[in-house]
């Protein structure tokens, strides 16, 4: 992953060890260290990451806006986000773990069994 940390800069996910397409997102809003907002892969979608100090540490609010929830579910974007957030604590602890496609596929199966959890189910 490479990041050009500025508004208009890019976040690029390259998967040299996996058969995944490179993903590139444009940074649309930035207010370090509290806010990062960027476009996502489908037209009109975006993600916002907000940090807020609390009495017990830091709260992360991740907002993911997608105009077509069915497409986001079908393409696995929700599972990708789940797997990425599961890797956050090890990364912040100084022991990052790589992407595990087997774990990703296990989550795909779980999400398929329970549905998206959206009101339409």
C-alpha atoms as a PDB file:
ATOM      1  CA  UNK A   1       0.000   0.000   0.000  1.00  0.00           C
ATOM      2  CA  UNK A   2       1.303   3.440  -0.875  1.00  0.00           C
ATOM      3  CA  UNK A   3      -0.201   6.757   0.154  1.00  0.00           C
ATOM      4  CA  UNK A   4       0.316  10.262  -1.214  1.00  0.00           C
ATOM      5  CA  UNK A   5      -1.114  11.935   1.898  1.00  0.00           C
ATOM      6  CA  UNK A   6      -2.648  15.138   0.543  1.00  0.00           C
ATOM      7  CA  UNK A   7      -6.007  16.183  -0.862  1.00  0.00           C
ATOM      8  CA  UNK A   8      -5.976  14.993  -4.456  1.00  0.00           C
ATOM      9  CA  UNK A   9      -3.323  12.395  -3.590  1.00  0.00           C
ATOM     10  CA  UNK A  10      -3.786   8.658  -3.992  1.00  0.00           C
ATOM     11  CA  UNK A  11      -4.057   5.573  -1.842  1.00  0.00           C
ATOM     12  CA  UNK A  12      -2.912   2.569  -3.879  1.00  0.00           C
ATOM     13  CA  UNK A  13      -3.377  -1.062  -2.891  1.00  0.00           C
ATOM     14  CA  UNK A  14      -1.126  -3.366  -4.877  1.00  0.00           C
ATOM     15  CA  UNK A  15      -1.280  -7.115  -4.309  1.00  0.00           C
ATOM     16  CA  UNK A  16       2.066  -8.523  -5.522  1.00  0.00           C
ATOM     17  CA  UNK A  17       1.467 -11.969  -3.989  1.00  0.00           C
ATOM     18  CA  UNK A  18      -2.219 -12.290  -4.895  1.00  0.00           C
ATOM     19  CA  UNK A  19      -4.234 -12.294  -8.083  1.00  0.00           C
ATOM     20  CA  UNK A  20      -6.157  -9.139  -7.144  1.00  0.00           C
ATOM     21  CA  UNK A  21      -6.439  -6.008  -9.255  1.00  0.00           C
ATOM     22  CA  UNK A  22      -4.610  -2.897  -8.067  1.00  0.00           C
ATOM     23  CA  UNK A  23      -7.008  -0.486  -6.352  1.00  0.00           C
ATOM     24  CA  UNK A  24      -6.424   3.267  -6.449  1.00  0.00           C
ATOM     25  CA  UNK A  25      -8.447   5.800  -4.456  1.00  0.00           C
ATOM     26  CA  UNK A  26      -8.289   9.595  -4.576  1.00  0.00           C
ATOM     27  CA  UNK A  27      -8.055  11.440  -1.246  1.00  0.00           C
ATOM     28  CA  UNK A  28     -10.872  13.995  -1.202  1.00  0.00           C
ATOM     29  CA  UNK A  29     -10.616  15.404   2.347  1.00  0.00           C
ATOM     30  CA  UNK A  30      -7.759  15.458   4.804  1.00  0.00           C
ATOM     31  CA  UNK A  31      -7.431  16.994   8.265  1.00  0.00           C
ATOM     32  CA  UNK A  32      -4.499  15.216   9.961  1.00  0.00           C
ATOM     33  CA  UNK A  33      -4.575  13.499  12.324  1.00  0.00           C
ATOM     34  CA  UNK A  34      -8.358  13.413  12.675  1.00  0.00           C
ATOM     35  CA  UNK A  35      -9.900  12.923   9.231  1.00  0.00           C
ATOM     36  CA  UNK A  36      -9.185  11.062   6.011  1.00  0.00           C
ATOM     37  CA  UNK A  37     -11.787  10.750   3.275  1.00  0.00           C
ATOM     38  CA  UNK A  38     -11.286   9.063  -0.084  1.00  0.00           C
ATOM     39  CA  UNK A  39     -13.200   7.785  -3.070  1.00  0.00           C
ATOM     40  CA  UNK A  40     -13.745   4.035  -3.372  1.00  0.00           C
ATOM     41  CA  UNK A  41     -13.809   1.713  -6.367  1.00  0.00           C
ATOM     42  CA  UNK A  42     -17.424   2.026  -7.477  1.00  0.00           C
ATOM     43  CA  UNK A  43     -18.689   5.334  -8.908  1.00  0.00           C
ATOM     44  CA  UNK A  44     -20.127   7.616  -6.240  1.00  0.00           C
ATOM     45  CA  UNK A  45     -18.778   5.599  -3.307  1.00  0.00           C
ATOM     46  CA  UNK A  46     -16.465   6.963  -0.627  1.00  0.00           C
ATOM     47  CA  UNK A  47     -14.986   6.180   2.774  1.00  0.00           C
ATOM     48  CA  UNK A  48     -14.345   8.491   5.693  1.00  0.00           C
ATOM     49  CA  UNK A  49     -12.058   7.654   8.620  1.00  0.00           C
ATOM     50  CA  UNK A  50     -12.404   9.879  11.695  1.00  0.00           C
ATOM     51  CA  UNK A  51     -10.372   9.712  14.912  1.00  0.00           C
ATOM     52  CA  UNK A  52     -11.564  11.227  18.179  1.00  0.00           C
ATOM     53  CA  UNK A  53      -9.757  11.249  21.514  1.00  0.00           C
ATOM     54  CA  UNK A  54     -11.754   9.735  24.377  1.00  0.00           C
ATOM     55  CA  UNK A  55     -11.109   9.200  28.089  1.00  0.00           C
ATOM     56  CA  UNK A  56     -10.086   5.613  27.292  1.00  0.00           C
ATOM     57  CA  UNK A  57      -8.061   6.071  24.111  1.00  0.00           C
ATOM     58  CA  UNK A  58      -9.171   6.848  20.588  1.00  0.00           C
ATOM     59  CA  UNK A  59     -12.454   6.194  18.818  1.00  0.00           C
ATOM     60  CA  UNK A  60     -12.403   5.310  15.129  1.00  0.00           C
ATOM     61  CA  UNK A  61     -15.523   6.089  13.138  1.00  0.00           C
ATOM     62  CA  UNK A  62     -15.413   4.525   9.685  1.00  0.00           C
ATOM     63  CA  UNK A  63     -18.166   5.606   7.290  1.00  0.00           C
ATOM     64  CA  UNK A  64     -18.600   3.784   3.993  1.00  0.00           C
ATOM     65  CA  UNK A  65     -21.060   5.284   1.534  1.00  0.00           C
ATOM     66  CA  UNK A  66     -22.110   3.222  -1.477  1.00  0.00           C
ATOM     67  CA  UNK A  67     -24.886   4.141  -3.895  1.00  0.00           C
ATOM     68  CA  UNK A  68     -25.494   0.480  -4.815  1.00  0.00           C
ATOM     69  CA  UNK A  69     -25.456  -1.785  -1.747  1.00  0.00           C
ATOM     70  CA  UNK A  70     -26.188  -4.898  -3.803  1.00  0.00           C
ATOM     71  CA  UNK A  71     -23.079  -4.295  -5.907  1.00  0.00           C
ATOM     72  CA  UNK A  72     -20.980  -3.662  -2.777  1.00  0.00           C
ATOM     73  CA  UNK A  73     -22.149  -6.956  -1.282  1.00  0.00           C
ATOM     74  CA  UNK A  74     -21.674  -8.869  -4.528  1.00  0.00           C
ATOM     75  CA  UNK A  75     -18.133  -7.536  -5.007  1.00  0.00           C
ATOM     76  CA  UNK A  76     -17.174  -8.343  -1.413  1.00  0.00           C
ATOM     77  CA  UNK A  77     -16.471  -4.769  -0.304  1.00  0.00           C
ATOM     78  CA  UNK A  78     -18.077  -5.312   3.112  1.00  0.00           C
ATOM     79  CA  UNK A  79     -16.041  -8.457   3.711  1.00  0.00           C
ATOM     80  CA  UNK A  80     -12.869  -6.647   2.597  1.00  0.00           C
ATOM     81  CA  UNK A  81     -13.573  -3.882   5.108  1.00  0.00           C
ATOM     82  CA  UNK A  82     -14.214  -6.453   7.860  1.00  0.00           C
ATOM     83  CA  UNK A  83     -10.920  -8.234   7.130  1.00  0.00           C
ATOM     84  CA  UNK A  84      -9.042  -4.936   6.965  1.00  0.00           C
ATOM     85  CA  UNK A  85     -10.406  -3.747  10.312  1.00  0.00           C
ATOM     86  CA  UNK A  86      -9.492  -7.095  11.897  1.00  0.00           C
ATOM     87  CA  UNK A  87      -5.888  -6.360  10.895  1.00  0.00           C
ATOM     88  CA  UNK A  88      -5.881  -2.882  12.447  1.00  0.00           C
ATOM     89  CA  UNK A  89      -4.919  -3.813  16.033  1.00  0.00           C
ATOM     90  CA  UNK A  90      -1.883  -5.888  14.986  1.00  0.00           C
ATOM     91  CA  UNK A  91      -0.764  -3.071  12.687  1.00  0.00           C
ATOM     92  CA  UNK A  92      -1.095  -0.449  15.425  1.00  0.00           C
ATOM     93  CA  UNK A  93       0.743  -2.773  17.838  1.00  0.00           C
ATOM     94  CA  UNK A  94       3.760  -2.878  15.520  1.00  0.00           C
ATOM     95  CA  UNK A  95       3.120  -6.423  14.279  1.00  0.00           C
ATOM     96  CA  UNK A  96       1.213  -5.999  11.020  1.00  0.00           C
ATOM     97  CA  UNK A  97      -0.147  -9.112   9.360  1.00  0.00           C
ATOM     98  CA  UNK A  98      -0.489  -9.597   5.633  1.00  0.00           C
ATOM     99  CA  UNK A  99      -3.713 -10.152   3.754  1.00  0.00           C
ATOM    100  CA  UNK A 100      -4.994 -13.702   4.280  1.00  0.00           C
ATOM    101  CA  UNK A 101      -7.153 -14.714   1.335  1.00  0.00           C
ATOM    102  CA  UNK A 102      -8.236 -17.928   3.122  1.00  0.00           C
ATOM    103  CA  UNK A 103      -9.682 -15.852   5.980  1.00  0.00           C
ATOM    104  CA  UNK A 104     -11.307 -13.566   3.407  1.00  0.00           C
ATOM    105  CA  UNK A 105     -13.011 -16.559   1.766  1.00  0.00           C
ATOM    106  CA  UNK A 106     -14.192 -17.839   5.169  1.00  0.00           C
ATOM    107  CA  UNK A 107     -15.830 -14.457   5.826  1.00  0.00           C
ATOM    108  CA  UNK A 108     -17.414 -14.495   2.357  1.00  0.00           C
ATOM    109  CA  UNK A 109     -19.074 -17.782   3.306  1.00  0.00           C
ATOM    110  CA  UNK A 110     -20.254 -16.402   6.666  1.00  0.00           C
ATOM    111  CA  UNK A 111     -21.650 -13.225   5.106  1.00  0.00           C
ATOM    112  CA  UNK A 112     -23.393 -15.326   2.458  1.00  0.00           C
ATOM    113  CA  UNK A 113     -25.062 -17.457   5.136  1.00  0.00           C
ATOM    114  CA  UNK A 114     -26.343 -14.568   7.227  1.00  0.00           C
ATOM    115  CA  UNK A 115     -27.064 -12.106   4.419  1.00  0.00           C
ATOM    116  CA  UNK A 116     -25.904  -8.529   4.263  1.00  0.00           C
ATOM    117  CA  UNK A 117     -27.657  -7.457   7.443  1.00  0.00           C
ATOM    118  CA  UNK A 118     -29.279  -4.616   5.531  1.00  0.00           C
ATOM    119  CA  UNK A 119     -32.951  -3.745   6.141  1.00  0.00           C
ATOM    120  CA  UNK A 120     -33.963  -5.334   2.837  1.00  0.00           C
ATOM    121  CA  UNK A 121     -33.093  -8.863   4.122  1.00  0.00           C
END
